[in-house]
Amino acid sequence: MVTLADVAKRAGVSASTASRALNGRGELSDRTRAAVADAARALQFQPSQLARSLRTSTTHTVGFVVPDVSSPFYAAALKGAQTTLHDAGYRTLLMDCEQSAEREVEALQTLLAHRVDGLLVSTVGLGREQYEDVTGGRVPCVFFDSSIVDTGEGSVILDNHAGIALLVDHLVGHGHRRIGLLAGSPSETSGFERRAAFEQAMARHAPDVAIAGVAGREWSLLEGHRATVELLESGEPPTAIVASSVELALGAMRACRERGVRVPDDLALASFDDAYFAELLDPPLTAVAYRPREVGEAAAHLLVEAMGDDDPARRDLRFDVQLVVRGSCGCAA
């Protein structure tokens, strides 16, 4: 491995002079700077990131923690965050905690051990005390999609209440009077907010419209399948279902197909999350849409600002959503 001493020797200067030249510091002549630069190029010298980190107490890396990287939402958010961080001079370390609080704690510990300069976290539901016990406030953190109240330097959350209200109102407009909910994780912001929003939206239409069951406790296709079967086997099954995520909606479609329940003829279906493949499904999925890549970009921007400020002001953002109507709700495809 080529060292700084090798570059200095080739350029005919001291190691300290070579260091100042390569880092653009100190009062050196143009001739000296050029000689050091030529020597570094000739030797293909790569500065030691470890040495630089020890000198500056920064690593120019950011930890990115998600419950499930295979989710279309988290994959797109990662792309947005990574682009923004790269442009700001940061690398991204990704940790998938597999929807486990224990794994999330391990991920945070690992990232802090690697001395990341900041954290982007979509928590699976850690409490404030548990999170602060792990991180100790050592680095700035911005939450996205799922946050911890009054913790970190900011958050970027979807407008869950508006999105669920759009879905419920649309199904009621189709004449449905028994509507069920496929709920996500109750410990995550998106999970408990979407359930609360469903109950509030349904209450606005009471007593003409009734909740025909709430089922589901995690974000997965398997849980969507299981929860849909639970709703369909109830005494008064729903005529329409709101799915809290596209994974749950896919599970619902599978359950309906296995049981000969036609969507939307026998059961209308509408979902939060307008995944890129939603219009390719049969029938195409009616869904609440937003731009997940922009969620990642916004969270990364907040974090970059926080990492560059000794006393950053907390900022919390809510992303607008909109309804995309397709065939699964009963509208013409």
Protein backbone atom coordinates (compact mmCIF):
# COMPACT_ATOMS: atom_id res chain seq x y z
CA MET A 1 0.00 0.00 0.00
CA VAL A 2 1.33 3.42 -0.96
CA THR A 3 1.71 5.70 2.06
CA LEU A 4 1.91 9.44 2.50
CA ALA A 5 5.62 9.01 3.22
CA ASP A 6 6.06 7.45 -0.24
CA VAL A 7 4.36 10.43 -1.87
CA ALA A 8 6.50 12.87 0.15
CA LYS A 9 9.71 11.06 -0.80
CA ARG A 10 8.87 11.10 -4.52
CA ALA A 11 7.95 14.79 -4.37
CA GLY A 12 11.07 15.66 -2.38
CA VAL A 13 9.18 17.17 0.56
CA SER A 14 8.41 16.25 4.16
CA ALA A 15 5.37 14.15 5.05
CA SER A 16 3.74 17.12 6.80
CA THR A 17 4.19 19.26 3.68
CA ALA A 18 2.72 16.52 1.51
CA SER A 19 -0.26 16.28 3.85
CA ARG A 20 -0.87 20.03 3.73
CA ALA A 21 -0.61 20.04 -0.06
CA LEU A 22 -3.06 17.18 -0.52
CA ASN A 23 -5.55 18.72 1.91
CA GLY A 24 -5.27 22.23 0.53
CA ARG A 25 -3.92 23.66 3.78
CA GLY A 26 -0.97 25.86 4.64
CA GLU A 27 0.99 28.44 2.67
CA LEU A 28 2.77 26.41 0.02
CA SER A 29 4.04 27.41 -3.39
CA ASP A 30 2.16 26.32 -6.49
CA ARG A 31 5.28 24.39 -7.51
CA THR A 32 5.26 22.37 -4.28
CA ARG A 33 1.55 21.62 -4.50
CA ALA A 34 1.96 20.50 -8.12
CA ALA A 35 4.92 18.25 -7.25
CA VAL A 36 2.95 16.54 -4.49
CA ALA A 37 -0.13 16.14 -6.70
CA ASP A 38 1.99 14.65 -9.51
CA ALA A 39 3.61 12.22 -7.07
CA ALA A 40 0.23 11.15 -5.67
CA ARG A 41 -1.11 10.50 -9.18
CA ALA A 42 1.98 8.61 -10.27
CA LEU A 43 1.84 6.36 -7.20
CA GLN A 44 -1.98 6.06 -7.31
CA PHE A 45 -2.09 7.21 -3.70
CA GLN A 46 -5.39 6.77 -1.85
CA PRO A 47 -5.72 8.69 1.44
CA SER A 48 -6.53 6.53 4.46
CA GLN A 49 -10.16 7.08 5.41
CA LEU A 50 -9.46 5.65 8.86
CA ALA A 51 -6.64 8.09 9.49
CA ARG A 52 -8.76 10.98 8.28
CA SER A 53 -11.63 9.88 10.51
CA LEU A 54 -9.38 9.73 13.56
CA ARG A 55 -8.02 13.19 12.76
CA THR A 56 -11.37 14.89 12.12
CA SER A 57 -13.63 12.75 14.40
CA THR A 58 -15.94 12.23 11.41
CA THR A 59 -16.39 9.31 9.03
CA HIS A 60 -18.68 10.91 6.43
CA THR A 61 -20.98 7.92 6.73
CA VAL A 62 -24.67 7.77 7.64
CA GLY A 63 -26.57 4.77 8.98
CA PHE A 64 -29.87 3.89 7.28
CA VAL A 65 -32.11 1.57 9.32
CA VAL A 66 -35.32 0.07 7.92
CA PRO A 67 -37.72 -2.71 8.98
CA ASP A 68 -37.65 -4.47 5.59
CA VAL A 69 -35.45 -3.40 2.69
CA SER A 70 -37.43 -5.60 0.27
CA SER A 71 -40.44 -3.29 0.65
CA PRO A 72 -40.91 -1.07 -2.44
CA PHE A 73 -41.32 1.93 -0.14
CA TYR A 74 -38.04 1.46 1.72
CA ALA A 75 -36.13 0.58 -1.44
CA ALA A 76 -37.27 3.80 -3.13
CA ALA A 77 -36.69 5.89 0.00
CA LEU A 78 -33.15 4.49 0.21
CA LYS A 79 -32.44 5.55 -3.38
CA GLY A 80 -33.59 9.08 -2.64
CA ALA A 81 -31.64 9.34 0.60
CA GLN A 82 -28.50 7.82 -0.88
CA THR A 83 -28.45 10.28 -3.79
CA THR A 84 -28.85 13.26 -1.48
CA LEU A 85 -26.20 12.01 0.94
CA HIS A 86 -23.75 11.23 -1.87
CA ASP A 87 -24.09 14.77 -3.21
CA ALA A 88 -23.34 16.05 0.30
CA GLY A 89 -20.22 13.87 0.60
CA TYR A 90 -21.61 11.04 2.71
CA ARG A 91 -21.69 7.28 2.21
CA THR A 92 -24.64 5.15 3.35
CA LEU A 93 -24.53 2.04 5.53
CA LEU A 94 -27.78 0.06 5.24
CA MET A 95 -29.18 -2.11 8.04
CA ASP A 96 -32.32 -4.24 7.65
CA CYS A 97 -33.77 -5.14 11.05
CA GLU A 98 -36.38 -7.58 9.67
CA GLN A 99 -39.28 -5.96 11.56
CA SER A 100 -37.67 -6.84 14.89
CA ALA A 101 -37.10 -4.37 17.73
CA GLU A 102 -34.21 -6.51 18.99
CA ARG A 103 -32.57 -6.42 15.55
CA GLU A 104 -33.12 -2.67 15.35
CA VAL A 105 -31.23 -2.20 18.61
CA GLU A 106 -28.41 -4.37 17.27
CA ALA A 107 -28.36 -2.35 14.04
CA LEU A 108 -28.07 0.94 15.91
CA GLN A 109 -25.28 -0.46 18.10
CA THR A 110 -23.39 -1.68 15.03
CA LEU A 111 -23.68 1.65 13.23
CA LEU A 112 -22.57 3.61 16.27
CA ALA A 113 -19.62 1.25 16.68
CA HIS A 114 -18.67 2.17 13.12
CA ARG A 115 -18.81 5.84 14.17
CA VAL A 116 -21.44 7.03 11.72
CA ASP A 117 -22.00 10.79 11.68
CA GLY A 118 -25.80 10.50 11.61
CA LEU A 119 -28.77 8.16 11.45
CA LEU A 120 -31.83 7.83 9.21
CA VAL A 121 -34.25 5.48 10.95
CA SER A 122 -37.68 4.02 10.28
CA THR A 123 -38.24 2.47 13.67
CA VAL A 124 -40.26 -0.70 14.22
CA GLY A 125 -41.56 0.84 17.42
CA LEU A 126 -38.75 1.44 19.91
CA GLY A 127 -39.75 3.58 22.88
CA ARG A 128 -38.02 6.87 23.54
CA GLU A 129 -36.18 5.60 26.61
CA GLN A 130 -35.03 2.45 24.83
CA TYR A 131 -33.77 4.42 21.83
CA GLU A 132 -31.92 6.95 23.96
CA ASP A 133 -30.38 4.17 26.07
CA VAL A 134 -28.87 2.75 22.87
CA THR A 135 -27.77 5.96 21.15
CA GLY A 136 -27.23 8.33 24.06
CA GLY A 137 -27.84 11.21 21.67
CA ARG A 138 -24.31 10.75 20.31
CA VAL A 139 -25.21 11.54 16.69
CA PRO A 140 -28.05 13.40 14.97
CA CYS A 141 -31.02 11.28 13.89
CA VAL A 142 -33.92 11.93 11.55
CA PHE A 143 -36.83 9.48 11.50
CA PHE A 144 -38.93 8.73 8.45
CA ASP A 145 -42.23 6.88 8.00
CA SER A 146 -42.18 5.72 11.62
CA SER A 147 -40.82 7.98 14.36
CA ILE A 148 -40.39 8.33 18.11
CA VAL A 149 -42.20 11.36 19.52
CA ASP A 150 -39.94 14.26 20.55
CA THR A 151 -36.82 12.26 19.76
CA GLY A 152 -34.06 13.02 17.28
CA GLU A 153 -33.56 16.09 15.14
CA GLY A 154 -36.66 15.66 12.97
CA SER A 155 -39.00 13.38 11.10
CA VAL A 156 -40.62 12.90 7.70
CA ILE A 157 -44.01 11.21 7.96
CA LEU A 158 -46.77 10.54 5.43
CA ASP A 159 -50.20 12.12 5.91
CA ASN A 160 -51.68 8.83 7.10
CA HIS A 161 -54.96 10.33 8.30
CA ALA A 162 -55.73 12.03 4.98
CA GLY A 163 -54.81 8.91 3.00
CA ILE A 164 -57.05 6.53 4.92
CA ALA A 165 -59.91 9.08 4.84
CA LEU A 166 -59.61 9.19 1.03
CA LEU A 167 -59.89 5.39 0.83
CA VAL A 168 -62.85 5.11 3.21
CA ASP A 169 -64.79 7.97 1.61
CA HIS A 170 -64.24 6.50 -1.84
CA LEU A 171 -65.54 3.07 -0.82
CA VAL A 172 -68.53 4.61 0.94
CA GLY A 173 -69.21 6.50 -2.27
CA HIS A 174 -69.47 3.13 -4.02
CA GLY A 175 -72.28 2.23 -1.62
CA HIS A 176 -70.36 -0.02 0.77
CA ARG A 177 -71.78 -0.19 4.30
CA ARG A 178 -69.54 -2.88 5.86
CA ILE A 179 -65.86 -2.04 5.50
CA GLY A 180 -62.97 -3.89 7.12
CA LEU A 181 -59.37 -2.89 7.75
CA LEU A 182 -56.14 -4.81 7.27
CA ALA A 183 -53.97 -3.15 9.92
CA GLY A 184 -50.17 -2.99 10.09
CA SER A 185 -47.84 -2.99 13.07
CA PRO A 186 -49.53 -1.18 15.99
CA SER A 187 -46.16 -0.10 17.37
CA GLU A 188 -45.17 1.89 14.25
CA THR A 189 -46.36 5.40 13.42
CA SER A 190 -47.87 4.36 10.10
CA GLY A 191 -49.60 1.40 11.76
CA PHE A 192 -51.34 3.10 14.67
CA GLU A 193 -52.07 6.30 12.74
CA ARG A 194 -53.75 4.44 9.87
CA ARG A 195 -55.86 2.39 12.27
CA ALA A 196 -56.91 5.51 14.19
CA ALA A 197 -57.64 7.29 10.91
CA PHE A 198 -59.82 4.37 9.76
CA GLU A 199 -61.86 4.45 12.96
CA GLN A 200 -62.29 8.22 12.71
CA ALA A 201 -63.29 8.11 9.05
CA MET A 202 -65.80 5.34 9.69
CA ALA A 203 -67.26 7.26 12.66
CA ARG A 204 -68.01 10.17 10.32
CA HIS A 205 -70.25 7.88 8.25
CA ALA A 206 -71.94 6.14 11.22
CA PRO A 207 -74.50 4.77 11.77
CA ASP A 208 -75.10 4.08 8.08
CA VAL A 209 -71.65 2.52 7.69
CA ALA A 210 -70.16 -0.03 10.11
CA ILE A 211 -66.67 -1.39 10.76
CA ALA A 212 -66.73 -5.02 9.61
CA GLY A 213 -63.64 -6.04 11.53
CA VAL A 214 -60.00 -4.99 11.97
CA ALA A 215 -57.32 -7.66 11.51
CA GLY A 216 -53.56 -7.76 11.09
CA ARG A 217 -50.55 -6.81 13.20
CA GLU A 218 -47.56 -6.66 10.84
CA TRP A 219 -46.60 -5.63 7.32
CA SER A 220 -46.38 -8.75 5.20
CA LEU A 221 -48.12 -10.62 2.41
CA LEU A 222 -48.62 -13.62 4.70
CA GLU A 223 -50.28 -11.45 7.34
CA GLY A 224 -52.48 -9.85 4.69
CA HIS A 225 -53.60 -13.31 3.61
CA ARG A 226 -54.26 -14.50 7.16
CA ALA A 227 -56.08 -11.33 8.20
CA THR A 228 -58.26 -11.33 5.08
CA VAL A 229 -59.35 -14.91 5.76
CA GLU A 230 -60.19 -13.84 9.31
CA LEU A 231 -62.41 -11.01 8.03
CA LEU A 232 -64.09 -13.16 5.37
CA GLU A 233 -64.92 -15.87 7.90
CA SER A 234 -66.54 -13.46 10.37
CA GLY A 235 -70.32 -13.53 10.95
CA GLU A 236 -70.89 -10.46 8.80
CA PRO A 237 -67.97 -10.23 6.39
CA PRO A 238 -67.07 -6.91 4.79
CA THR A 239 -68.09 -5.93 1.29
CA ALA A 240 -64.97 -3.77 1.04
CA ILE A 241 -61.51 -3.82 2.62
CA VAL A 242 -58.99 -1.05 3.22
CA ALA A 243 -55.42 -2.40 3.31
CA SER A 244 -52.88 -0.37 5.29
CA SER A 245 -50.05 -1.29 2.91
CA VAL A 246 -49.49 -2.81 -0.50
CA GLU A 247 -48.04 -5.98 1.07
CA LEU A 248 -51.28 -6.49 2.99
CA ALA A 249 -53.28 -5.80 -0.17
CA LEU A 250 -51.32 -8.46 -2.07
CA GLY A 251 -52.06 -10.95 0.68
CA ALA A 252 -55.75 -10.03 0.46
CA MET A 253 -55.80 -10.64 -3.29
CA ARG A 254 -54.23 -14.03 -2.81
CA ALA A 255 -56.75 -15.00 -0.12
CA CYS A 256 -59.64 -13.90 -2.32
CA ARG A 257 -58.33 -15.81 -5.31
CA GLU A 258 -57.95 -19.01 -3.27
CA ARG A 259 -61.50 -18.71 -1.93
CA GLY A 260 -63.17 -17.77 -5.19
CA VAL A 261 -63.99 -14.25 -3.97
CA ARG A 262 -63.96 -11.92 -6.97
CA VAL A 263 -62.37 -8.48 -6.64
CA PRO A 264 -64.15 -6.11 -7.02
CA ASP A 265 -67.43 -7.93 -7.84
CA ASP A 266 -67.69 -9.72 -4.48
CA LEU A 267 -65.26 -7.62 -2.46
CA ALA A 268 -63.88 -4.15 -3.15
CA LEU A 269 -60.24 -3.53 -2.21
CA ALA A 270 -58.28 -0.29 -1.82
CA SER A 271 -54.85 0.22 -0.32
CA PHE A 272 -52.40 2.67 1.13
CA ASP A 273 -49.14 2.59 -0.91
CA ASP A 274 -49.29 2.93 -4.68
CA ALA A 275 -46.42 0.58 -5.53
CA TYR A 276 -44.89 0.66 -9.00
CA PHE A 277 -46.60 -2.63 -9.91
CA ALA A 278 -50.10 -1.67 -8.66
CA GLU A 279 -51.46 -0.93 -12.13
CA LEU A 280 -50.15 -4.29 -13.41
CA LEU A 281 -52.21 -6.35 -10.96
CA ASP A 282 -55.49 -8.04 -11.92
CA PRO A 283 -57.52 -6.07 -11.18
CA PRO A 284 -55.34 -2.95 -11.00
CA LEU A 285 -55.12 -1.72 -7.42
CA THR A 286 -56.80 1.49 -6.24
CA ALA A 287 -54.34 3.08 -3.84
CA VAL A 288 -53.11 6.15 -2.01
CA ALA A 289 -50.05 7.50 -3.79
CA TYR A 290 -47.04 9.54 -2.74
CA ARG A 291 -43.39 9.72 -3.80
CA PRO A 292 -41.30 7.49 -1.51
CA ARG A 293 -38.05 8.59 -3.15
CA GLU A 294 -38.84 12.18 -2.16
CA VAL A 295 -39.49 11.01 1.42
CA GLY A 296 -35.93 9.65 1.53
CA GLU A 297 -34.54 12.81 -0.05
CA ALA A 298 -36.33 15.05 2.44
CA ALA A 299 -35.17 12.99 5.43
CA ALA A 300 -31.59 13.06 4.15
CA HIS A 301 -31.70 16.84 3.64
CA LEU A 302 -32.88 17.31 7.24
CA LEU A 303 -30.09 15.06 8.49
CA VAL A 304 -27.36 16.82 6.48
CA GLU A 305 -28.53 20.14 7.91
CA ALA A 306 -28.55 18.70 11.44
CA MET A 307 -25.06 17.21 11.08
CA GLY A 308 -23.74 20.61 10.02
CA ASP A 309 -25.33 22.52 12.91
CA ASP A 310 -24.12 22.40 16.52
CA ASP A 311 -27.62 23.22 17.78
CA PRO A 312 -30.12 22.22 15.08
CA ALA A 313 -33.78 23.20 15.40
CA ARG A 314 -36.10 20.21 15.22
CA ARG A 315 -38.11 19.94 11.99
CA ASP A 316 -41.07 17.62 11.35
CA LEU A 317 -42.51 17.23 7.85
CA ARG A 318 -45.76 15.64 6.62
CA PHE A 319 -45.97 14.45 3.02
CA ASP A 320 -49.21 14.93 1.10
CA VAL A 321 -50.91 11.93 -0.51
CA GLN A 322 -53.48 11.47 -3.25
CA LEU A 323 -55.95 8.82 -4.38
CA VAL A 324 -55.24 6.89 -7.58
CA VAL A 325 -58.43 5.17 -8.74
CA ARG A 326 -58.22 1.86 -10.61
CA GLY A 327 -60.32 -1.27 -10.93
CA SER A 328 -60.02 -3.04 -7.55
CA CYS A 329 -62.50 -0.69 -5.86
CA GLY A 330 -65.19 -1.14 -8.52
CA CYS A 331 -64.33 1.79 -10.76
CA ALA A 332 -63.89 1.17 -14.47
CA ALA A 333 -60.31 0.06 -15.07
